[in-house]
Amino acid sequence: MTAPTTYGLSSEARNLHWLLTNLVEEVPGIQSVAVVSSDGLLLLSSDPGHTEQSRQARPAKGPRGSSADLATIVSGIGSLTVGAAKLLEFGGVKHTMVAMEEGSLFVMSISDGSLLGVHGSAECDMSVVAYHMALFVGRAGHVLTPELRSELRKNLEAESTGSDR
């Protein structure tokens, strides 16, 4: 993973980037991570390849090689499970896990509808991934304010267009 640039970001935004980097580097089997806002927008990613050029250059393994695609999947699963929980009247959704033959997808609520999504390899230990995701959520949830979400979104847009902040 190549760390995204954090130049010019607030200390809270830099701390979230640091937490995300540690999550990916410390937990074996994690392939990509995305933090998604309640409206489905990518806020933070372990993959600097959220631009179209990066998507085309990467291999086809994973969610088409892009954290933007992972964000779309996470947002959709998050919406589906929230709707199911309302229909079943079971309360809020805490986390969702999808186990596939060649990998796993984990989705966990952060705060105010924001979601943390993790794409893991088939070899990853699901309980370890879930534990570290819970740690991330516990550390990040209280700082993910509307102002910080806006800052993270603007930072991703600036990186996508290649402009300076």
C-alpha atoms as a PDB file:
ATOM      1  CA  MET A   1       0.000   0.000   0.000  1.00  0.00           C
ATOM      2  CA  THR A   2       1.247   3.452  -0.855  1.00  0.00           C
ATOM      3  CA  ALA A   3       0.285   6.002   1.757  1.00  0.00           C
ATOM      4  CA  PRO A   4      -1.856   8.832   0.471  1.00  0.00           C
ATOM      5  CA  THR A   5      -0.562  12.328   0.943  1.00  0.00           C
ATOM      6  CA  THR A   6      -1.652  14.027   4.154  1.00  0.00           C
ATOM      7  CA  TYR A   7       0.019  17.373   3.497  1.00  0.00           C
ATOM      8  CA  GLY A   8      -2.248  20.267   4.446  1.00  0.00           C
ATOM      9  CA  LEU A   9      -4.768  18.140   6.334  1.00  0.00           C
ATOM     10  CA  SER A  10      -5.959  18.755   9.875  1.00  0.00           C
ATOM     11  CA  SER A  11      -4.515  16.642  12.672  1.00  0.00           C
ATOM     12  CA  GLU A  12      -7.791  14.692  12.897  1.00  0.00           C
ATOM     13  CA  ALA A  13      -7.633  13.827   9.181  1.00  0.00           C
ATOM     14  CA  ARG A  14      -3.965  12.825   9.474  1.00  0.00           C
ATOM     15  CA  ASN A  15      -4.815  10.633  12.476  1.00  0.00           C
ATOM     16  CA  LEU A  16      -7.557   8.867  10.510  1.00  0.00           C
ATOM     17  CA  HIS A  17      -5.139   8.243   7.653  1.00  0.00           C
ATOM     18  CA  TRP A  18      -2.657   6.854  10.170  1.00  0.00           C
ATOM     19  CA  LEU A  19      -5.296   4.572  11.745  1.00  0.00           C
ATOM     20  CA  LEU A  20      -6.301   3.287   8.327  1.00  0.00           C
ATOM     21  CA  THR A  21      -2.688   2.650   7.304  1.00  0.00           C
ATOM     22  CA  ASN A  22      -2.082   0.736  10.541  1.00  0.00           C
ATOM     23  CA  LEU A  23      -5.220  -1.345  10.029  1.00  0.00           C
ATOM     24  CA  VAL A  24      -4.030  -2.471   6.601  1.00  0.00           C
ATOM     25  CA  GLU A  25      -0.409  -3.026   7.589  1.00  0.00           C
ATOM     26  CA  GLU A  26      -1.026  -4.810  10.903  1.00  0.00           C
ATOM     27  CA  VAL A  27      -3.797  -7.222   9.923  1.00  0.00           C
ATOM     28  CA  PRO A  28      -2.733 -10.047   7.609  1.00  0.00           C
ATOM     29  CA  GLY A  29      -5.019 -10.663   4.669  1.00  0.00           C
ATOM     30  CA  ILE A  30      -6.561  -7.213   4.357  1.00  0.00           C
ATOM     31  CA  GLN A  31      -6.453  -6.195   0.709  1.00  0.00           C
ATOM     32  CA  SER A  32      -8.262  -2.869   0.747  1.00  0.00           C
ATOM     33  CA  VAL A  33     -10.219  -0.636   3.102  1.00  0.00           C
ATOM     34  CA  ALA A  34     -12.711   2.143   2.468  1.00  0.00           C
ATOM     35  CA  VAL A  35     -14.488   4.586   4.752  1.00  0.00           C
ATOM     36  CA  VAL A  36     -17.788   5.652   3.219  1.00  0.00           C
ATOM     37  CA  SER A  37     -20.097   8.503   4.218  1.00  0.00           C
ATOM     38  CA  SER A  38     -23.797   7.963   4.879  1.00  0.00           C
ATOM     39  CA  ASP A  39     -24.565   9.168   1.351  1.00  0.00           C
ATOM     40  CA  GLY A  40     -22.207   6.602  -0.197  1.00  0.00           C
ATOM     41  CA  LEU A  41     -19.224   8.828  -0.942  1.00  0.00           C
ATOM     42  CA  LEU A  42     -15.697   7.542  -0.437  1.00  0.00           C
ATOM     43  CA  LEU A  43     -14.033   9.510   2.365  1.00  0.00           C
ATOM     44  CA  LEU A  44     -10.859   7.608   3.106  1.00  0.00           C
ATOM     45  CA  SER A  45      -9.107   4.739   1.428  1.00  0.00           C
ATOM     46  CA  SER A  46      -6.159   2.406   1.850  1.00  0.00           C
ATOM     47  CA  ASP A  47      -5.856   2.432  -1.929  1.00  0.00           C
ATOM     48  CA  PRO A  48      -4.387   5.512  -3.551  1.00  0.00           C
ATOM     49  CA  GLY A  49      -5.763   4.069  -6.814  1.00  0.00           C
ATOM     50  CA  HIS A  50      -9.188   5.668  -6.744  1.00  0.00           C
ATOM     51  CA  THR A  51      -8.534   7.480  -9.999  1.00  0.00           C
ATOM     52  CA  GLU A  52      -9.473   6.062 -13.402  1.00  0.00           C
ATOM     53  CA  GLN A  53      -5.819   5.690 -14.450  1.00  0.00           C
ATOM     54  CA  SER A  54      -5.056   3.576 -11.370  1.00  0.00           C
ATOM     55  CA  ARG A  55      -8.151   1.452 -11.910  1.00  0.00           C
ATOM     56  CA  GLN A  56      -7.037   0.572 -15.433  1.00  0.00           C
ATOM     57  CA  ALA A  57      -3.445  -0.188 -14.456  1.00  0.00           C
ATOM     58  CA  ARG A  58      -4.242  -2.585 -11.615  1.00  0.00           C
ATOM     59  CA  PRO A  59      -4.984  -6.286 -11.937  1.00  0.00           C
ATOM     60  CA  ALA A  60      -8.612  -7.403 -12.003  1.00  0.00           C
ATOM     61  CA  LYS A  61      -8.417  -9.137  -8.591  1.00  0.00           C
ATOM     62  CA  GLY A  62     -10.628  -7.529  -5.964  1.00  0.00           C
ATOM     63  CA  PRO A  63     -13.366  -4.986  -6.490  1.00  0.00           C
ATOM     64  CA  ARG A  64     -12.103  -4.091  -9.975  1.00  0.00           C
ATOM     65  CA  GLY A  65      -8.907  -2.889  -8.315  1.00  0.00           C
ATOM     66  CA  SER A  66     -10.332   0.284  -6.897  1.00  0.00           C
ATOM     67  CA  SER A  67     -11.393   1.499  -3.482  1.00  0.00           C
ATOM     68  CA  ALA A  68     -14.100   3.546  -5.212  1.00  0.00           C
ATOM     69  CA  ASP A  69     -15.637   0.259  -6.303  1.00  0.00           C
ATOM     70  CA  LEU A  70     -15.258  -1.089  -2.762  1.00  0.00           C
ATOM     71  CA  ALA A  71     -17.002   2.046  -1.466  1.00  0.00           C
ATOM     72  CA  THR A  72     -19.907   1.425  -3.843  1.00  0.00           C
ATOM     73  CA  ILE A  73     -20.247  -2.173  -2.663  1.00  0.00           C
ATOM     74  CA  VAL A  74     -19.994  -1.171   1.013  1.00  0.00           C
ATOM     75  CA  SER A  75     -22.612   1.537   0.587  1.00  0.00           C
ATOM     76  CA  GLY A  76     -25.008  -0.868  -1.121  1.00  0.00           C
ATOM     77  CA  ILE A  77     -24.592  -3.601   1.481  1.00  0.00           C
ATOM     78  CA  GLY A  78     -24.937  -1.022   4.239  1.00  0.00           C
ATOM     79  CA  SER A  79     -28.216   0.241   2.782  1.00  0.00           C
ATOM     80  CA  LEU A  80     -29.537  -3.280   2.286  1.00  0.00           C
ATOM     81  CA  THR A  81     -28.786  -4.371   5.847  1.00  0.00           C
ATOM     82  CA  VAL A  82     -30.207  -1.178   7.371  1.00  0.00           C
ATOM     83  CA  GLY A  83     -33.419  -1.737   5.401  1.00  0.00           C
ATOM     84  CA  ALA A  84     -33.558  -5.351   6.535  1.00  0.00           C
ATOM     85  CA  ALA A  85     -33.038  -4.381  10.175  1.00  0.00           C
ATOM     86  CA  LYS A  86     -35.853  -1.811   9.971  1.00  0.00           C
ATOM     87  CA  LEU A  87     -38.183  -4.292   8.297  1.00  0.00           C
ATOM     88  CA  LEU A  88     -37.392  -6.977  10.880  1.00  0.00           C
ATOM     89  CA  GLU A  89     -37.451  -4.423  13.747  1.00  0.00           C
ATOM     90  CA  PHE A  90     -34.195  -5.733  15.194  1.00  0.00           C
ATOM     91  CA  GLY A  91     -32.515  -2.392  15.866  1.00  0.00           C
ATOM     92  CA  GLY A  92     -29.444  -0.919  14.206  1.00  0.00           C
ATOM     93  CA  VAL A  93     -26.906  -2.860  12.189  1.00  0.00           C
ATOM     94  CA  LYS A  94     -23.523  -3.201  13.879  1.00  0.00           C
ATOM     95  CA  HIS A  95     -21.609  -5.204  11.285  1.00  0.00           C
ATOM     96  CA  THR A  96     -22.039  -7.424   8.242  1.00  0.00           C
ATOM     97  CA  MET A  97     -19.761 -10.122   6.905  1.00  0.00           C
ATOM     98  CA  VAL A  98     -19.904 -11.803   3.509  1.00  0.00           C
ATOM     99  CA  ALA A  99     -17.726 -14.892   3.104  1.00  0.00           C
ATOM    100  CA  MET A 100     -16.900 -15.871  -0.478  1.00  0.00           C
ATOM    101  CA  GLU A 101     -14.747 -18.628  -1.938  1.00  0.00           C
ATOM    102  CA  GLU A 102     -11.767 -16.367  -2.567  1.00  0.00           C
ATOM    103  CA  GLY A 103     -12.205 -13.637   0.016  1.00  0.00           C
ATOM    104  CA  SER A 104     -14.390 -11.849   2.506  1.00  0.00           C
ATOM    105  CA  LEU A 105     -16.111  -8.520   2.793  1.00  0.00           C
ATOM    106  CA  PHE A 106     -16.681  -6.859   6.143  1.00  0.00           C
ATOM    107  CA  VAL A 107     -18.869  -3.807   6.723  1.00  0.00           C
ATOM    108  CA  MET A 108     -19.106  -2.052  10.086  1.00  0.00           C
ATOM    109  CA  SER A 109     -21.002   1.063  11.149  1.00  0.00           C
ATOM    110  CA  ILE A 110     -18.844   3.949  12.315  1.00  0.00           C
ATOM    111  CA  SER A 111     -21.130   6.867  13.187  1.00  0.00           C
ATOM    112  CA  ASP A 112     -24.008   8.840  11.712  1.00  0.00           C
ATOM    113  CA  GLY A 113     -24.404   6.289   8.917  1.00  0.00           C
ATOM    114  CA  SER A 114     -20.731   6.212   7.928  1.00  0.00           C
ATOM    115  CA  LEU A 115     -19.321   2.773   7.208  1.00  0.00           C
ATOM    116  CA  LEU A 116     -15.987   1.001   7.317  1.00  0.00           C
ATOM    117  CA  GLY A 117     -15.558  -1.616   4.607  1.00  0.00           C
ATOM    118  CA  VAL A 118     -12.749  -4.167   4.429  1.00  0.00           C
ATOM    119  CA  HIS A 119     -11.963  -6.530   1.571  1.00  0.00           C
ATOM    120  CA  GLY A 120      -9.982  -9.479   2.877  1.00  0.00           C
ATOM    121  CA  SER A 121      -8.296 -12.453   1.263  1.00  0.00           C
ATOM    122  CA  ALA A 122      -9.555 -16.018   1.681  1.00  0.00           C
ATOM    123  CA  GLU A 123      -6.725 -16.660   4.153  1.00  0.00           C
ATOM    124  CA  CYS A 124      -7.567 -13.805   6.519  1.00  0.00           C
ATOM    125  CA  ASP A 125      -8.734 -14.629  10.026  1.00  0.00           C
ATOM    126  CA  MET A 126     -12.231 -13.143  10.128  1.00  0.00           C
ATOM    127  CA  SER A 127     -12.249 -12.722  13.896  1.00  0.00           C
ATOM    128  CA  VAL A 128      -8.953 -10.807  13.820  1.00  0.00           C
ATOM    129  CA  VAL A 129     -10.225  -8.545  11.018  1.00  0.00           C
ATOM    130  CA  ALA A 130     -13.484  -7.885  12.908  1.00  0.00           C
ATOM    131  CA  TYR A 131     -11.569  -7.128  16.118  1.00  0.00           C
ATOM    132  CA  HIS A 132      -9.269  -4.613  14.416  1.00  0.00           C
ATOM    133  CA  MET A 133     -12.196  -3.032  12.594  1.00  0.00           C
ATOM    134  CA  ALA A 134     -13.933  -2.547  15.954  1.00  0.00           C
ATOM    135  CA  LEU A 135     -10.779  -0.890  17.298  1.00  0.00           C
ATOM    136  CA  PHE A 136     -10.695   1.439  14.273  1.00  0.00           C
ATOM    137  CA  VAL A 137     -14.369   2.322  14.712  1.00  0.00           C
ATOM    138  CA  GLY A 138     -13.863   2.973  18.421  1.00  0.00           C
ATOM    139  CA  ARG A 139     -10.956   5.294  17.735  1.00  0.00           C
ATOM    140  CA  ALA A 140     -12.353   7.030  14.652  1.00  0.00           C
ATOM    141  CA  GLY A 141     -16.068   7.268  15.328  1.00  0.00           C
ATOM    142  CA  HIS A 142     -16.005  10.232  17.684  1.00  0.00           C
ATOM    143  CA  VAL A 143     -13.797  12.376  15.408  1.00  0.00           C
ATOM    144  CA  LEU A 144     -15.665  11.717  12.154  1.00  0.00           C
ATOM    145  CA  THR A 145     -17.614  14.971  12.308  1.00  0.00           C
ATOM    146  CA  PRO A 146     -19.401  16.598   9.359  1.00  0.00           C
ATOM    147  CA  GLU A 147     -16.501  19.048   9.061  1.00  0.00           C
ATOM    148  CA  LEU A 148     -13.941  16.237   8.927  1.00  0.00           C
ATOM    149  CA  ARG A 149     -16.038  14.312   6.399  1.00  0.00           C
ATOM    150  CA  SER A 150     -16.083  17.401   4.193  1.00  0.00           C
ATOM    151  CA  GLU A 151     -12.321  17.814   4.510  1.00  0.00           C
ATOM    152  CA  LEU A 152     -11.663  14.162   3.646  1.00  0.00           C
ATOM    153  CA  ARG A 153     -13.992  14.320   0.645  1.00  0.00           C
ATOM    154  CA  LYS A 154     -12.314  17.487  -0.678  1.00  0.00           C
ATOM    155  CA  ASN A 155      -8.904  15.852  -0.219  1.00  0.00           C
ATOM    156  CA  LEU A 156      -9.962  12.806  -2.269  1.00  0.00           C
ATOM    157  CA  GLU A 157     -11.396  15.026  -4.999  1.00  0.00           C
ATOM    158  CA  ALA A 158      -8.166  17.033  -5.140  1.00  0.00           C
ATOM    159  CA  GLU A 159      -6.107  13.816  -5.412  1.00  0.00           C
ATOM    160  CA  SER A 160      -8.393  12.511  -8.173  1.00  0.00           C
ATOM    161  CA  THR A 161      -7.998  15.641 -10.256  1.00  0.00           C
ATOM    162  CA  GLY A 162      -4.304  15.917  -9.485  1.00  0.00           C
ATOM    163  CA  SER A 163      -4.639  19.468  -8.221  1.00  0.00           C
ATOM    164  CA  ASP A 164      -2.862  20.921  -5.241  1.00  0.00           C
ATOM    165  CA  ARG A 165      -4.788  21.745  -2.116  1.00  0.00           C
END
